Amino acid sequence: MQNKSLYSIIRWLVVLAIPFLLTLGTVRLLISWNSPSYPEFEYGRIAPDRFGFTLEERLGLADATLGYLQRPEPAHEVIYLLEDLRLPGSDQPLYNEREIGHMLDVKVVADAFKTFLWVLAIIVIGGLILLLARAETRSLGAKAIQQGGLLTVIIVFAVMVFMGVAWGLAFTLFHNLFFSSGTWTFAYTDSLIRLFPEQFWFDFGMLWTGLILLEGIILALIGYLLGKGWN
């Protein structure tokens, strides 16, 4: 009875961890996407910069900004990569002090996501190994995969609908969750907005959630097929 309860707890830990694992894993994948980079893909879809960046300048500066986020060092050690960027044809810094402060915060959050991703991976992979290693608990492992995938689909579908009907509110809630109020709003003439306008983030959000939705469906199907094979 005690072992049965333990395996049930492991199963539900796996189920609950799967949506978060897919969410953080997918955003890390998109941050590290290089060939072509996400900005290269996106800039062909959105309006050009109305304040003068050419497509080539915009892409180069955006990729340099993403390069900063991809670095393994802590934010304060590599923020110089952004501080050294200059406006095209000028000695003026690309980013002002408020933008630099926000980008420090962004990398701190992104790096925390990476750490949390490893914790979730250990929970999911370790839990599934324990469940699938024994014949009598393999059906629980299959159910954990299927239910984790289904839970992901339900949550992400709801988030996508919310983003579609109330994007402004969703964008605000997301930023208020991770950043201090007033530190993440900028003028339309600021470089962060010129490089990463609202449409950029809406499309990113839809791509992010769409990929997670697909991953959840695939996991649910795998769990279902495994469960049928072991019953």
Protein backbone atom coordinates (compact mmCIF):
# COMPACT_ATOMS: atom_id res chain seq x y z
CA MET A 1 0.00 0.00 0.00
CA GLN A 2 2.84 2.34 0.90
CA ASN A 3 4.62 1.64 -2.40
CA LYS A 4 1.39 2.17 -4.31
CA SER A 5 0.93 5.59 -2.70
CA LEU A 6 4.54 6.50 -3.44
CA TYR A 7 4.23 5.59 -7.10
CA SER A 8 0.96 7.54 -7.31
CA ILE A 9 2.72 10.62 -5.92
CA ILE A 10 5.56 10.20 -8.44
CA ARG A 11 3.02 9.90 -11.25
CA TRP A 12 1.27 13.14 -10.29
CA LEU A 13 4.55 14.97 -9.86
CA VAL A 14 5.42 13.97 -13.43
CA VAL A 15 1.99 15.00 -14.71
CA LEU A 16 2.18 18.44 -13.08
CA ALA A 17 5.80 19.02 -14.11
CA ILE A 18 5.33 18.19 -17.80
CA PRO A 19 3.51 21.43 -18.81
CA PHE A 20 6.18 23.56 -17.14
CA LEU A 21 8.98 21.48 -18.66
CA LEU A 22 7.57 21.89 -22.16
CA THR A 23 6.96 25.61 -21.61
CA LEU A 24 10.47 26.40 -20.42
CA GLY A 25 12.14 23.96 -22.81
CA THR A 26 10.39 25.54 -25.79
CA VAL A 27 11.29 29.12 -24.83
CA ARG A 28 14.94 28.11 -24.34
CA LEU A 29 14.82 26.45 -27.78
CA LEU A 30 13.47 29.63 -29.36
CA ILE A 31 16.10 31.79 -27.64
CA SER A 32 18.88 29.56 -29.01
CA TRP A 33 17.34 29.28 -32.50
CA ASN A 34 20.08 30.52 -34.87
CA SER A 35 19.74 29.32 -38.45
CA PRO A 36 17.76 31.31 -39.34
CA SER A 37 17.33 33.26 -36.11
CA TYR A 38 13.83 34.07 -34.94
CA PRO A 39 14.24 37.80 -35.80
CA GLU A 40 15.28 36.84 -39.34
CA PHE A 41 12.10 34.81 -39.65
CA GLU A 42 9.92 37.47 -38.03
CA TYR A 43 11.20 40.62 -39.75
CA GLY A 44 9.94 39.31 -43.05
CA ARG A 45 6.42 39.34 -41.58
CA ILE A 46 6.16 42.65 -39.71
CA ALA A 47 6.32 46.30 -40.71
CA PRO A 48 9.78 47.87 -41.18
CA ASP A 49 11.18 50.23 -38.55
CA ARG A 50 9.54 53.62 -39.07
CA PHE A 51 12.45 55.50 -37.48
CA GLY A 52 15.15 54.43 -39.90
CA PHE A 53 16.72 51.03 -39.17
CA THR A 54 17.25 49.13 -42.39
CA LEU A 55 16.34 45.45 -42.42
CA GLU A 56 20.04 44.50 -42.26
CA GLU A 57 20.73 46.88 -39.36
CA ARG A 58 17.67 45.72 -37.47
CA LEU A 59 18.57 42.07 -37.93
CA GLY A 60 22.20 42.55 -36.92
CA LEU A 61 21.30 44.44 -33.75
CA ALA A 62 18.53 42.00 -32.81
CA ASP A 63 20.84 39.01 -33.27
CA ALA A 64 23.51 40.73 -31.15
CA THR A 65 20.90 41.23 -28.41
CA LEU A 66 19.88 37.58 -28.55
CA GLY A 67 23.56 36.63 -28.48
CA TYR A 68 23.78 38.32 -25.08
CA LEU A 69 20.88 36.20 -23.80
CA GLN A 70 22.51 33.03 -25.11
CA ARG A 71 25.74 33.56 -23.20
CA PRO A 72 26.22 31.21 -20.21
CA GLU A 73 27.77 33.87 -17.95
CA PRO A 74 25.68 35.85 -15.42
CA ALA A 75 23.98 38.96 -16.76
CA HIS A 76 26.27 41.47 -15.03
CA GLU A 77 29.34 39.85 -16.61
CA VAL A 78 28.15 40.11 -20.21
CA ILE A 79 25.93 43.21 -20.19
CA TYR A 80 28.87 45.01 -21.82
CA LEU A 81 27.84 43.25 -25.04
CA LEU A 82 24.76 45.48 -25.11
CA GLU A 83 26.43 48.54 -23.64
CA ASP A 84 28.98 48.47 -26.47
CA LEU A 85 26.35 48.41 -29.22
CA ARG A 86 25.94 51.71 -31.09
CA LEU A 87 23.22 53.21 -33.22
CA PRO A 88 24.11 52.72 -36.90
CA GLY A 89 26.31 55.54 -38.17
CA SER A 90 26.60 57.10 -34.71
CA ASP A 91 28.67 57.02 -31.51
CA GLN A 92 25.48 57.02 -29.43
CA PRO A 93 24.71 53.86 -27.44
CA LEU A 94 22.00 51.68 -28.93
CA TYR A 95 20.34 51.20 -25.56
CA ASN A 96 19.75 53.81 -22.86
CA GLU A 97 20.18 53.16 -19.13
CA ARG A 98 16.57 52.04 -18.62
CA GLU A 99 16.82 49.60 -21.51
CA ILE A 100 20.11 48.23 -20.18
CA GLY A 101 18.52 47.79 -16.75
CA HIS A 102 15.61 45.88 -18.25
CA MET A 103 17.91 43.65 -20.28
CA LEU A 104 19.82 42.80 -17.13
CA ASP A 105 16.51 41.72 -15.59
CA VAL A 106 15.57 39.76 -18.71
CA LYS A 107 18.75 37.68 -18.63
CA VAL A 108 18.39 37.03 -14.90
CA VAL A 109 14.88 35.67 -15.56
CA ALA A 110 16.01 33.70 -18.63
CA ASP A 111 18.87 32.13 -16.67
CA ALA A 112 16.49 31.26 -13.83
CA PHE A 113 14.26 29.56 -16.41
CA LYS A 114 17.24 27.47 -17.49
CA THR A 115 17.97 26.38 -13.90
CA PHE A 116 14.32 25.56 -13.26
CA LEU A 117 14.24 23.65 -16.55
CA TRP A 118 16.93 21.27 -15.26
CA VAL A 119 14.98 20.69 -12.04
CA LEU A 120 11.83 19.89 -14.02
CA ALA A 121 13.75 17.60 -16.37
CA ILE A 122 15.08 15.63 -13.39
CA ILE A 123 11.56 15.29 -11.96
CA VAL A 124 10.01 14.16 -15.25
CA ILE A 125 12.80 11.92 -16.52
CA GLY A 126 13.63 10.49 -13.09
CA GLY A 127 9.96 9.89 -12.30
CA LEU A 128 9.32 8.17 -15.61
CA ILE A 129 12.39 5.96 -15.20
CA LEU A 130 11.10 4.82 -11.81
CA LEU A 131 7.61 4.15 -13.16
CA LEU A 132 8.63 2.48 -16.42
CA ALA A 133 11.40 0.33 -14.94
CA ARG A 134 8.91 -2.02 -13.21
CA ALA A 135 6.32 -4.03 -15.10
CA GLU A 136 3.68 -3.43 -12.43
CA THR A 137 4.03 0.38 -12.63
CA ARG A 138 4.51 0.84 -16.37
CA SER A 139 0.83 1.59 -16.87
CA LEU A 140 1.23 4.46 -14.35
CA GLY A 141 4.15 5.76 -16.40
CA ALA A 142 2.06 5.66 -19.56
CA LYS A 143 -0.80 7.46 -17.79
CA ALA A 144 1.62 10.10 -16.50
CA ILE A 145 2.82 10.80 -20.04
CA GLN A 146 -0.71 10.88 -21.44
CA GLN A 147 -2.17 13.01 -18.64
CA GLY A 148 0.82 15.38 -18.65
CA GLY A 149 0.32 15.88 -22.37
CA LEU A 150 -3.43 16.42 -21.95
CA LEU A 151 -2.91 18.88 -19.08
CA THR A 152 -0.46 20.78 -21.28
CA VAL A 153 -2.99 20.93 -24.13
CA ILE A 154 -5.77 22.22 -21.86
CA ILE A 155 -3.64 24.91 -20.21
CA VAL A 156 -1.94 26.09 -23.38
CA PHE A 157 -5.15 26.17 -25.41
CA ALA A 158 -6.72 28.39 -22.73
CA VAL A 159 -3.65 30.65 -22.78
CA MET A 160 -3.75 30.93 -26.58
CA VAL A 161 -7.43 31.91 -26.51
CA PHE A 162 -6.69 34.49 -23.80
CA MET A 163 -3.81 35.91 -25.84
CA GLY A 164 -5.97 36.06 -28.94
CA VAL A 165 -8.83 37.98 -27.32
CA ALA A 166 -6.91 40.07 -24.76
CA TRP A 167 -3.32 40.34 -25.96
CA GLY A 168 -2.61 43.64 -24.21
CA LEU A 169 -3.73 42.29 -20.84
CA ALA A 170 -1.83 39.01 -21.33
CA PHE A 171 1.34 40.92 -22.24
CA THR A 172 1.01 43.15 -19.17
CA LEU A 173 0.30 40.26 -16.80
CA PHE A 174 3.30 38.32 -18.08
CA HIS A 175 5.67 41.23 -17.58
CA ASN A 176 4.26 42.17 -14.17
CA LEU A 177 4.79 38.57 -13.09
CA PHE A 178 8.54 38.68 -13.75
CA PHE A 179 9.53 42.36 -13.71
CA SER A 180 8.99 45.30 -11.38
CA SER A 181 6.27 47.71 -12.45
CA GLY A 182 7.58 50.58 -14.55
CA THR A 183 10.83 48.89 -15.53
CA TRP A 184 9.62 47.30 -18.77
CA THR A 185 7.75 50.11 -20.57
CA PHE A 186 9.56 52.24 -23.15
CA ALA A 187 8.99 54.96 -25.76
CA TYR A 188 8.28 53.96 -29.35
CA THR A 189 11.56 55.66 -30.31
CA ASP A 190 13.61 53.49 -27.93
CA SER A 191 15.71 50.82 -29.57
CA LEU A 192 14.10 47.89 -27.72
CA ILE A 193 10.70 48.80 -29.16
CA ARG A 194 12.12 49.49 -32.62
CA LEU A 195 13.85 46.10 -32.67
CA PHE A 196 11.17 44.14 -30.83
CA PRO A 197 7.77 45.81 -31.42
CA GLU A 198 4.51 44.48 -30.03
CA GLN A 199 3.70 42.48 -33.17
CA PHE A 200 7.05 40.73 -32.79
CA TRP A 201 6.05 39.54 -29.30
CA PHE A 202 2.50 38.59 -30.30
CA ASP A 203 3.85 36.37 -33.07
CA PHE A 204 6.51 34.97 -30.72
CA GLY A 205 3.85 34.19 -28.12
CA MET A 206 1.67 32.40 -30.64
CA LEU A 207 4.62 30.41 -31.99
CA TRP A 208 5.75 29.54 -28.46
CA THR A 209 2.33 28.37 -27.30
CA GLY A 210 1.61 26.66 -30.63
CA LEU A 211 4.75 24.56 -30.33
CA ILE A 212 3.91 23.64 -26.73
CA LEU A 213 0.40 22.67 -27.80
CA LEU A 214 1.83 20.39 -30.50
CA GLU A 215 4.27 18.85 -28.02
CA GLY A 216 1.43 18.21 -25.56
CA ILE A 217 -0.64 16.46 -28.24
CA ILE A 218 2.32 14.27 -29.22
CA LEU A 219 3.00 13.33 -25.59
CA ALA A 220 -0.66 12.52 -24.95
CA LEU A 221 -0.69 10.27 -28.03
CA ILE A 222 2.54 8.53 -27.00
CA GLY A 223 1.18 7.90 -23.50
CA TYR A 224 -2.09 6.56 -24.91
CA LEU A 225 -0.30 4.16 -27.28
CA LEU A 226 2.08 2.98 -24.55
CA GLY A 227 -0.83 2.39 -22.22
CA LYS A 228 -2.66 0.32 -24.82
CA GLY A 229 0.44 -1.78 -25.41
CA TRP A 230 0.98 -2.51 -21.72
CA ASN A 231 -2.63 -3.23 -20.76
